[in-house]
Amino acid sequence: MVSTRPLGTRKVLVTGGGSGMGLAVAETLLRAGGQVAVSGRRAERLEAVVRAWPGQAVTLPCDLASPSERTGLLARAREALGGLDGLVHSAGVVEHQLPGHISEEALRAQLEVNLVAPLRLGEEALSVLEDGGGMVFIASTLAMRPLPTSAVYSAAKAGLLAAMRSLAIAGAARRVRANAVCPGVVDTEMVRAPRLSPGEPTPEGEELERRISAQLSTLGALHPLGRLGKAEEVADAVVHLLGAPWTTGSELVIDGGLLLRE
């Protein structure tokens, strides 16, 4: 039986598929009847997806910061699913540090996971994905409008957008599309991590809860529409781009109006 779902959404590898936006993308695809290979570092999170979607989801644990682990990841997904027509790179790492306080470890980790890994996966996707397949990279509005503390993360995401456009050109002969989604601030575990001053210890208990609540309120107020984004809203956009047959090399901003602010 021929699937009626668009190419790009049928058999998909989702990195960072155990939580946040990656999990939301995986669940959106699965609800529509697709098959998904979820990848990430936390095996227990991935296994929970498989238990919830038996017969549709498989796990591929992988630390994307490791070149040896990520090499061949798409080929393994293709084997596990019996084919592969989509890639979503949602895995990411961010550490807010002011210039002058950027550690070498944080610098290398953010560049490796947010730029090098998706570029390498995209290179593999050019030959592994079926003709007409799609890849979507989750970038960020911080690529266009950095914060004082986001120099490395912003640079990596801006580089990812440039890499995406190159992949789109390279994939066009086989109609393999590459696009990106640029969310504003989305309510995820990453956003709920407290942003601390250099050398400041992590607060605990009620003080930690108060700091996180104030942080979320401040971040929400940055958006003209008055709130943080939801992972499910980003997932809908990602799935749309995965299956959009005449869209490639595009950046879709979903930010509650954040970039409209002066």
C-alpha atoms as a PDB file:
ATOM      1  CA  MET A   1       0.000   0.000   0.000  1.00  0.00           C
ATOM      2  CA  VAL A   2       1.385   3.399  -1.008  1.00  0.00           C
ATOM      3  CA  SER A   3       1.472   5.947   1.805  1.00  0.00           C
ATOM      4  CA  THR A   4      -0.605   9.065   1.293  1.00  0.00           C
ATOM      5  CA  ARG A   5       1.541  11.075   3.696  1.00  0.00           C
ATOM      6  CA  PRO A   6       3.964  13.558   2.095  1.00  0.00           C
ATOM      7  CA  LEU A   7       7.529  12.460   1.433  1.00  0.00           C
ATOM      8  CA  GLY A   8       9.667  13.657   4.282  1.00  0.00           C
ATOM      9  CA  THR A   9       7.125  12.687   6.957  1.00  0.00           C
ATOM     10  CA  ARG A  10       6.861   8.912   6.554  1.00  0.00           C
ATOM     11  CA  LYS A  11      10.053   7.502   8.064  1.00  0.00           C
ATOM     12  CA  VAL A  12      11.981  10.124   9.980  1.00  0.00           C
ATOM     13  CA  LEU A  13      15.032  10.369  12.221  1.00  0.00           C
ATOM     14  CA  VAL A  14      14.584  12.946  15.008  1.00  0.00           C
ATOM     15  CA  THR A  15      17.609  13.946  17.074  1.00  0.00           C
ATOM     16  CA  GLY A  16      16.887  15.204  20.554  1.00  0.00           C
ATOM     17  CA  GLY A  17      13.734  13.116  20.269  1.00  0.00           C
ATOM     18  CA  GLY A  18      13.346  12.348  23.958  1.00  0.00           C
ATOM     19  CA  SER A  19      12.352  15.790  25.203  1.00  0.00           C
ATOM     20  CA  GLY A  20      11.341  19.315  24.293  1.00  0.00           C
ATOM     21  CA  MET A  21      10.789  20.253  20.685  1.00  0.00           C
ATOM     22  CA  GLY A  22      12.278  17.008  19.386  1.00  0.00           C
ATOM     23  CA  LEU A  23       9.791  14.944  21.371  1.00  0.00           C
ATOM     24  CA  ALA A  24       6.948  17.155  20.159  1.00  0.00           C
ATOM     25  CA  VAL A  25       8.051  16.637  16.541  1.00  0.00           C
ATOM     26  CA  ALA A  26       8.287  12.869  17.035  1.00  0.00           C
ATOM     27  CA  GLU A  27       4.831  12.682  18.595  1.00  0.00           C
ATOM     28  CA  THR A  28       3.295  14.825  15.852  1.00  0.00           C
ATOM     29  CA  LEU A  29       4.705  12.522  13.188  1.00  0.00           C
ATOM     30  CA  LEU A  30       3.647   9.399  15.074  1.00  0.00           C
ATOM     31  CA  ARG A  31       0.090  10.636  15.575  1.00  0.00           C
ATOM     32  CA  ALA A  32      -0.133  11.123  11.815  1.00  0.00           C
ATOM     33  CA  GLY A  33       0.869   7.503  11.253  1.00  0.00           C
ATOM     34  CA  GLY A  34       4.550   7.975  10.505  1.00  0.00           C
ATOM     35  CA  GLN A  35       7.465   5.907  11.744  1.00  0.00           C
ATOM     36  CA  VAL A  36      10.161   7.626  13.775  1.00  0.00           C
ATOM     37  CA  ALA A  37      13.661   6.811  14.997  1.00  0.00           C
ATOM     38  CA  VAL A  38      14.304   8.927  18.089  1.00  0.00           C
ATOM     39  CA  SER A  39      17.913   9.687  18.935  1.00  0.00           C
ATOM     40  CA  GLY A  40      19.529  11.282  21.961  1.00  0.00           C
ATOM     41  CA  ARG A  41      21.810  10.702  24.925  1.00  0.00           C
ATOM     42  CA  ARG A  42      19.195   9.738  27.533  1.00  0.00           C
ATOM     43  CA  ALA A  43      18.131   6.196  26.689  1.00  0.00           C
ATOM     44  CA  GLU A  44      15.324   6.128  29.263  1.00  0.00           C
ATOM     45  CA  ARG A  45      13.618   9.109  27.602  1.00  0.00           C
ATOM     46  CA  LEU A  46      13.847   7.457  24.191  1.00  0.00           C
ATOM     47  CA  GLU A  47      12.542   4.146  25.490  1.00  0.00           C
ATOM     48  CA  ALA A  48       9.487   5.916  26.902  1.00  0.00           C
ATOM     49  CA  VAL A  49       8.604   7.047  23.362  1.00  0.00           C
ATOM     50  CA  VAL A  50       8.880   3.488  22.066  1.00  0.00           C
ATOM     51  CA  ARG A  51       6.665   2.164  24.866  1.00  0.00           C
ATOM     52  CA  ALA A  52       4.031   4.769  24.030  1.00  0.00           C
ATOM     53  CA  TRP A  53       4.200   4.019  20.281  1.00  0.00           C
ATOM     54  CA  PRO A  54       4.955   0.301  19.861  1.00  0.00           C
ATOM     55  CA  GLY A  55       5.604  -0.704  16.281  1.00  0.00           C
ATOM     56  CA  GLN A  56       6.036   2.888  15.108  1.00  0.00           C
ATOM     57  CA  ALA A  57       9.009   4.228  17.068  1.00  0.00           C
ATOM     58  CA  VAL A  58      12.534   2.883  17.515  1.00  0.00           C
ATOM     59  CA  THR A  59      15.443   4.177  19.586  1.00  0.00           C
ATOM     60  CA  LEU A  60      18.925   5.068  18.396  1.00  0.00           C
ATOM     61  CA  PRO A  61      20.883   6.335  21.433  1.00  0.00           C
ATOM     62  CA  CYS A  62      23.689   8.635  20.307  1.00  0.00           C
ATOM     63  CA  ASP A  63      25.887  11.365  21.733  1.00  0.00           C
ATOM     64  CA  LEU A  64      26.045  13.809  18.835  1.00  0.00           C
ATOM     65  CA  ALA A  65      29.116  15.448  20.322  1.00  0.00           C
ATOM     66  CA  SER A  66      31.016  12.256  19.486  1.00  0.00           C
ATOM     67  CA  PRO A  67      32.050  11.985  15.814  1.00  0.00           C
ATOM     68  CA  SER A  68      32.369   8.212  16.100  1.00  0.00           C
ATOM     69  CA  GLU A  69      28.841   7.833  17.510  1.00  0.00           C
ATOM     70  CA  ARG A  70      27.092  10.116  15.032  1.00  0.00           C
ATOM     71  CA  THR A  71      28.853   8.773  11.931  1.00  0.00           C
ATOM     72  CA  GLY A  72      26.416   6.545  10.067  1.00  0.00           C
ATOM     73  CA  LEU A  73      23.458   7.528  12.253  1.00  0.00           C
ATOM     74  CA  LEU A  74      21.153   8.055   9.262  1.00  0.00           C
ATOM     75  CA  ALA A  75      22.134   4.741   7.732  1.00  0.00           C
ATOM     76  CA  ARG A  76      21.290   3.031  11.030  1.00  0.00           C
ATOM     77  CA  ALA A  77      17.937   4.809  11.106  1.00  0.00           C
ATOM     78  CA  ARG A  78      17.212   3.709   7.534  1.00  0.00           C
ATOM     79  CA  GLU A  79      17.972   0.120   8.458  1.00  0.00           C
ATOM     80  CA  ALA A  80      15.855   0.250  11.627  1.00  0.00           C
ATOM     81  CA  LEU A  81      12.835   1.773   9.848  1.00  0.00           C
ATOM     82  CA  GLY A  82      13.156  -0.018   6.528  1.00  0.00           C
ATOM     83  CA  GLY A  83      13.748   3.268   4.724  1.00  0.00           C
ATOM     84  CA  LEU A  84      14.277   6.944   5.541  1.00  0.00           C
ATOM     85  CA  ASP A  85      12.787  10.036   3.927  1.00  0.00           C
ATOM     86  CA  GLY A  86      13.125  12.639   6.695  1.00  0.00           C
ATOM     87  CA  LEU A  87      15.639  14.121   9.150  1.00  0.00           C
ATOM     88  CA  VAL A  88      14.903  16.570  11.955  1.00  0.00           C
ATOM     89  CA  HIS A  89      17.808  17.942  13.973  1.00  0.00           C
ATOM     90  CA  SER A  90      16.410  19.191  17.246  1.00  0.00           C
ATOM     91  CA  ALA A  91      19.225  18.288  19.641  1.00  0.00           C
ATOM     92  CA  GLY A  92      20.948  21.323  21.074  1.00  0.00           C
ATOM     93  CA  VAL A  93      22.986  22.660  23.943  1.00  0.00           C
ATOM     94  CA  VAL A  94      23.247  26.209  25.269  1.00  0.00           C
ATOM     95  CA  GLU A  95      25.303  27.760  28.024  1.00  0.00           C
ATOM     96  CA  HIS A  96      24.836  31.459  28.654  1.00  0.00           C
ATOM     97  CA  GLN A  97      28.173  33.111  29.355  1.00  0.00           C
ATOM     98  CA  LEU A  98      29.314  36.690  28.888  1.00  0.00           C
ATOM     99  CA  PRO A  99      32.261  37.404  26.588  1.00  0.00           C
ATOM    100  CA  GLY A 100      35.355  37.198  28.716  1.00  0.00           C
ATOM    101  CA  HIS A 101      33.804  34.366  30.719  1.00  0.00           C
ATOM    102  CA  ILE A 102      33.257  31.827  27.909  1.00  0.00           C
ATOM    103  CA  SER A 103      34.854  28.551  28.925  1.00  0.00           C
ATOM    104  CA  GLU A 104      36.675  26.435  26.370  1.00  0.00           C
ATOM    105  CA  GLU A 105      34.452  23.464  27.262  1.00  0.00           C
ATOM    106  CA  ALA A 106      31.232  25.421  26.682  1.00  0.00           C
ATOM    107  CA  LEU A 107      32.600  26.855  23.442  1.00  0.00           C
ATOM    108  CA  ARG A 108      33.510  23.461  21.999  1.00  0.00           C
ATOM    109  CA  ALA A 109      30.349  21.690  23.174  1.00  0.00           C
ATOM    110  CA  GLN A 110      27.986  24.268  21.676  1.00  0.00           C
ATOM    111  CA  LEU A 111      29.782  24.424  18.342  1.00  0.00           C
ATOM    112  CA  GLU A 112      29.972  20.620  18.094  1.00  0.00           C
ATOM    113  CA  VAL A 113      26.313  19.865  18.836  1.00  0.00           C
ATOM    114  CA  ASN A 114      24.673  22.952  17.343  1.00  0.00           C
ATOM    115  CA  LEU A 115      26.735  23.308  14.154  1.00  0.00           C
ATOM    116  CA  VAL A 116      29.180  20.514  13.372  1.00  0.00           C
ATOM    117  CA  ALA A 117      26.830  17.616  14.161  1.00  0.00           C
ATOM    118  CA  PRO A 118      23.868  18.865  12.089  1.00  0.00           C
ATOM    119  CA  LEU A 119      26.158  19.680   9.173  1.00  0.00           C
ATOM    120  CA  ARG A 120      27.604  16.174   9.259  1.00  0.00           C
ATOM    121  CA  LEU A 121      24.135  14.626   9.525  1.00  0.00           C
ATOM    122  CA  GLY A 122      22.962  16.788   6.639  1.00  0.00           C
ATOM    123  CA  GLU A 123      25.887  15.610   4.524  1.00  0.00           C
ATOM    124  CA  GLU A 124      24.914  12.007   5.179  1.00  0.00           C
ATOM    125  CA  ALA A 125      21.251  12.799   4.486  1.00  0.00           C
ATOM    126  CA  LEU A 126      22.138  13.880   0.946  1.00  0.00           C
ATOM    127  CA  SER A 127      22.902  10.273   0.029  1.00  0.00           C
ATOM    128  CA  VAL A 128      20.752   8.322   2.527  1.00  0.00           C
ATOM    129  CA  LEU A 129      17.346  10.029   2.267  1.00  0.00           C
ATOM    130  CA  GLU A 130      14.958   8.889  -0.447  1.00  0.00           C
ATOM    131  CA  ASP A 131      14.526  11.114  -3.495  1.00  0.00           C
ATOM    132  CA  GLY A 132      12.144  13.924  -2.568  1.00  0.00           C
ATOM    133  CA  GLY A 133      12.874  13.602   1.163  1.00  0.00           C
ATOM    134  CA  GLY A 134      13.306  16.484   3.541  1.00  0.00           C
ATOM    135  CA  MET A 135      15.488  17.673   6.389  1.00  0.00           C
ATOM    136  CA  VAL A 136      14.627  20.384   8.898  1.00  0.00           C
ATOM    137  CA  PHE A 137      17.042  21.988  11.330  1.00  0.00           C
ATOM    138  CA  ILE A 138      15.786  23.771  14.432  1.00  0.00           C
ATOM    139  CA  ALA A 139      17.768  26.994  14.668  1.00  0.00           C
ATOM    140  CA  SER A 140      16.837  30.058  16.748  1.00  0.00           C
ATOM    141  CA  THR A 141      16.009  33.737  16.502  1.00  0.00           C
ATOM    142  CA  LEU A 142      19.231  34.174  18.490  1.00  0.00           C
ATOM    143  CA  ALA A 143      20.983  33.558  15.167  1.00  0.00           C
ATOM    144  CA  MET A 144      19.626  36.948  14.039  1.00  0.00           C
ATOM    145  CA  ARG A 145      19.492  38.806  17.358  1.00  0.00           C
ATOM    146  CA  PRO A 146      22.080  37.624  19.881  1.00  0.00           C
ATOM    147  CA  LEU A 147      22.072  38.304  23.597  1.00  0.00           C
ATOM    148  CA  PRO A 148      25.201  39.426  25.465  1.00  0.00           C
ATOM    149  CA  THR A 149      25.393  35.888  26.879  1.00  0.00           C
ATOM    150  CA  SER A 150      24.674  33.949  23.668  1.00  0.00           C
ATOM    151  CA  ALA A 151      27.763  34.655  21.550  1.00  0.00           C
ATOM    152  CA  VAL A 152      28.657  31.006  20.955  1.00  0.00           C
ATOM    153  CA  TYR A 153      25.108  29.680  20.634  1.00  0.00           C
ATOM    154  CA  SER A 154      24.142  32.509  18.279  1.00  0.00           C
ATOM    155  CA  ALA A 155      27.237  31.986  16.139  1.00  0.00           C
ATOM    156  CA  ALA A 156      26.538  28.256  15.900  1.00  0.00           C
ATOM    157  CA  LYS A 157      22.898  28.761  14.916  1.00  0.00           C
ATOM    158  CA  ALA A 158      23.810  31.432  12.346  1.00  0.00           C
ATOM    159  CA  GLY A 159      26.344  29.008  10.886  1.00  0.00           C
ATOM    160  CA  LEU A 160      23.688  26.297  10.850  1.00  0.00           C
ATOM    161  CA  LEU A 161      21.436  28.484   8.690  1.00  0.00           C
ATOM    162  CA  ALA A 162      24.262  29.003   6.210  1.00  0.00           C
ATOM    163  CA  ALA A 163      25.005  25.273   6.177  1.00  0.00           C
ATOM    164  CA  MET A 164      21.325  24.513   5.613  1.00  0.00           C
ATOM    165  CA  ARG A 165      21.272  26.655   2.486  1.00  0.00           C
ATOM    166  CA  SER A 166      24.331  24.863   1.104  1.00  0.00           C
ATOM    167  CA  LEU A 167      22.700  21.500   1.793  1.00  0.00           C
ATOM    168  CA  ALA A 168      19.563  22.694  -0.004  1.00  0.00           C
ATOM    169  CA  ILE A 169      21.573  23.467  -3.116  1.00  0.00           C
ATOM    170  CA  ALA A 170      23.449  20.166  -2.913  1.00  0.00           C
ATOM    171  CA  GLY A 171      20.258  18.138  -2.495  1.00  0.00           C
ATOM    172  CA  ALA A 172      18.233  19.778  -5.240  1.00  0.00           C
ATOM    173  CA  ALA A 173      19.250  17.329  -7.978  1.00  0.00           C
ATOM    174  CA  ARG A 174      17.440  14.539  -6.090  1.00  0.00           C
ATOM    175  CA  ARG A 175      14.762  16.916  -4.777  1.00  0.00           C
ATOM    176  CA  VAL A 176      16.081  16.411  -1.236  1.00  0.00           C
ATOM    177  CA  ARG A 177      15.045  19.554   0.578  1.00  0.00           C
ATOM    178  CA  ALA A 178      16.692  21.360   3.507  1.00  0.00           C
ATOM    179  CA  ASN A 179      14.948  24.010   5.594  1.00  0.00           C
ATOM    180  CA  ALA A 180      15.124  25.500   9.075  1.00  0.00           C
ATOM    181  CA  VAL A 181      12.743  26.686  11.762  1.00  0.00           C
ATOM    182  CA  CYS A 182      13.807  29.652  13.890  1.00  0.00           C
ATOM    183  CA  PRO A 183      11.775  29.707  17.102  1.00  0.00           C
ATOM    184  CA  GLY A 184      11.643  32.477  19.631  1.00  0.00           C
ATOM    185  CA  VAL A 185      11.778  31.406  23.266  1.00  0.00           C
ATOM    186  CA  VAL A 186       9.939  28.105  23.709  1.00  0.00           C
ATOM    187  CA  ASP A 187       8.999  26.695  27.101  1.00  0.00           C
ATOM    188  CA  THR A 188      11.358  23.704  27.374  1.00  0.00           C
ATOM    189  CA  GLU A 189      13.754  22.270  29.940  1.00  0.00           C
ATOM    190  CA  MET A 190      16.564  24.260  28.346  1.00  0.00           C
ATOM    191  CA  VAL A 191      14.730  27.553  28.890  1.00  0.00           C
ATOM    192  CA  ARG A 192      13.908  26.597  32.472  1.00  0.00           C
ATOM    193  CA  ALA A 193      17.577  26.240  33.407  1.00  0.00           C
ATOM    194  CA  PRO A 194      18.430  29.241  35.655  1.00  0.00           C
ATOM    195  CA  ARG A 195      20.607  31.896  34.034  1.00  0.00           C
ATOM    196  CA  LEU A 196      23.313  32.778  36.536  1.00  0.00           C
ATOM    197  CA  SER A 197      25.934  35.487  36.767  1.00  0.00           C
ATOM    198  CA  PRO A 198      29.578  34.397  36.416  1.00  0.00           C
ATOM    199  CA  GLY A 199      30.573  32.530  39.564  1.00  0.00           C
ATOM    200  CA  GLU A 200      27.055  32.590  41.008  1.00  0.00           C
ATOM    201  CA  PRO A 201      26.033  29.300  42.676  1.00  0.00           C
ATOM    202  CA  THR A 202      22.791  27.633  41.604  1.00  0.00           C
ATOM    203  CA  PRO A 203      20.031  28.525  44.087  1.00  0.00           C
ATOM    204  CA  GLU A 204      17.958  25.807  45.674  1.00  0.00           C
ATOM    205  CA  GLY A 205      14.417  25.180  46.870  1.00  0.00           C
ATOM    206  CA  GLU A 206      11.961  28.062  46.869  1.00  0.00           C
ATOM    207  CA  GLU A 207      14.598  30.526  45.730  1.00  0.00           C
ATOM    208  CA  LEU A 208      15.280  28.411  42.636  1.00  0.00           C
ATOM    209  CA  GLU A 209      11.558  28.213  41.876  1.00  0.00           C
ATOM    210  CA  ARG A 210      11.223  31.985  42.293  1.00  0.00           C
ATOM    211  CA  ARG A 211      14.163  32.662  39.988  1.00  0.00           C
ATOM    212  CA  ILE A 212      12.864  30.347  37.276  1.00  0.00           C
ATOM    213  CA  SER A 213       9.338  31.802  37.493  1.00  0.00           C
ATOM    214  CA  ALA A 214      10.706  35.338  37.158  1.00  0.00           C
ATOM    215  CA  GLN A 215      12.953  34.235  34.292  1.00  0.00           C
ATOM    216  CA  LEU A 216      10.057  32.708  32.359  1.00  0.00           C
ATOM    217  CA  SER A 217       7.911  35.779  32.948  1.00  0.00           C
ATOM    218  CA  THR A 218      10.657  38.092  31.701  1.00  0.00           C
ATOM    219  CA  LEU A 219      11.297  35.952  28.625  1.00  0.00           C
ATOM    220  CA  GLY A 220       7.586  35.711  27.824  1.00  0.00           C
ATOM    221  CA  ALA A 221       7.214  39.481  28.000  1.00  0.00           C
ATOM    222  CA  LEU A 222       9.839  39.891  25.257  1.00  0.00           C
ATOM    223  CA  HIS A 223       7.334  38.575  22.717  1.00  0.00           C
ATOM    224  CA  PRO A 224       4.667  40.996  21.423  1.00  0.00           C
ATOM    225  CA  LEU A 225       2.116  38.176  21.610  1.00  0.00           C
ATOM    226  CA  GLY A 226       2.813  38.063  25.337  1.00  0.00           C
ATOM    227  CA  ARG A 227       3.939  34.515  26.014  1.00  0.00           C
ATOM    228  CA  LEU A 228       6.531  31.823  25.411  1.00  0.00           C
ATOM    229  CA  GLY A 229       6.091  29.448  22.523  1.00  0.00           C
ATOM    230  CA  LYS A 230       4.927  25.858  22.901  1.00  0.00           C
ATOM    231  CA  ALA A 231       6.919  22.900  21.636  1.00  0.00           C
ATOM    232  CA  GLU A 232       3.852  21.632  19.787  1.00  0.00           C
ATOM    233  CA  GLU A 233       3.618  24.879  17.812  1.00  0.00           C
ATOM    234  CA  VAL A 234       7.191  24.479  16.608  1.00  0.00           C
ATOM    235  CA  ALA A 235       6.539  20.805  15.804  1.00  0.00           C
ATOM    236  CA  ASP A 236       3.642  21.707  13.515  1.00  0.00           C
ATOM    237  CA  ALA A 237       5.931  24.021  11.543  1.00  0.00           C
ATOM    238  CA  VAL A 238       8.687  21.420  11.337  1.00  0.00           C
ATOM    239  CA  VAL A 239       6.329  18.739  10.016  1.00  0.00           C
ATOM    240  CA  HIS A 240       4.931  21.187   7.464  1.00  0.00           C
ATOM    241  CA  LEU A 241       8.423  21.874   6.104  1.00  0.00           C
ATOM    242  CA  LEU A 242       9.336  18.191   6.088  1.00  0.00           C
ATOM    243  CA  GLY A 243       6.490  17.545   3.676  1.00  0.00           C
ATOM    244  CA  ALA A 244       6.571  20.758   1.610  1.00  0.00           C
ATOM    245  CA  PRO A 245       7.707  19.571  -1.852  1.00  0.00           C
ATOM    246  CA  TRP A 246       8.495  23.008  -3.323  1.00  0.00           C
ATOM    247  CA  THR A 247      10.205  24.602  -0.318  1.00  0.00           C
ATOM    248  CA  THR A 248      13.940  24.396   0.200  1.00  0.00           C
ATOM    249  CA  GLY A 249      16.620  26.683   1.609  1.00  0.00           C
ATOM    250  CA  SER A 250      14.016  28.532   3.675  1.00  0.00           C
ATOM    251  CA  GLU A 251      14.002  29.830   7.249  1.00  0.00           C
ATOM    252  CA  LEU A 252      10.595  29.843   8.936  1.00  0.00           C
ATOM    253  CA  VAL A 253      10.472  32.200  11.925  1.00  0.00           C
ATOM    254  CA  ILE A 254       8.012  31.264  14.681  1.00  0.00           C
ATOM    255  CA  ASP A 255       8.638  33.742  17.439  1.00  0.00           C
ATOM    256  CA  GLY A 256       5.481  35.407  18.758  1.00  0.00           C
ATOM    257  CA  GLY A 257       6.682  38.614  17.092  1.00  0.00           C
ATOM    258  CA  LEU A 258      10.012  38.675  18.958  1.00  0.00           C
ATOM    259  CA  LEU A 259      12.043  39.918  15.979  1.00  0.00           C
ATOM    260  CA  LEU A 260       9.581  42.790  15.489  1.00  0.00           C
ATOM    261  CA  ARG A 261      10.852  44.469  18.636  1.00  0.00           C
ATOM    262  CA  GLU A 262      13.348  47.290  18.246  1.00  0.00           C
END
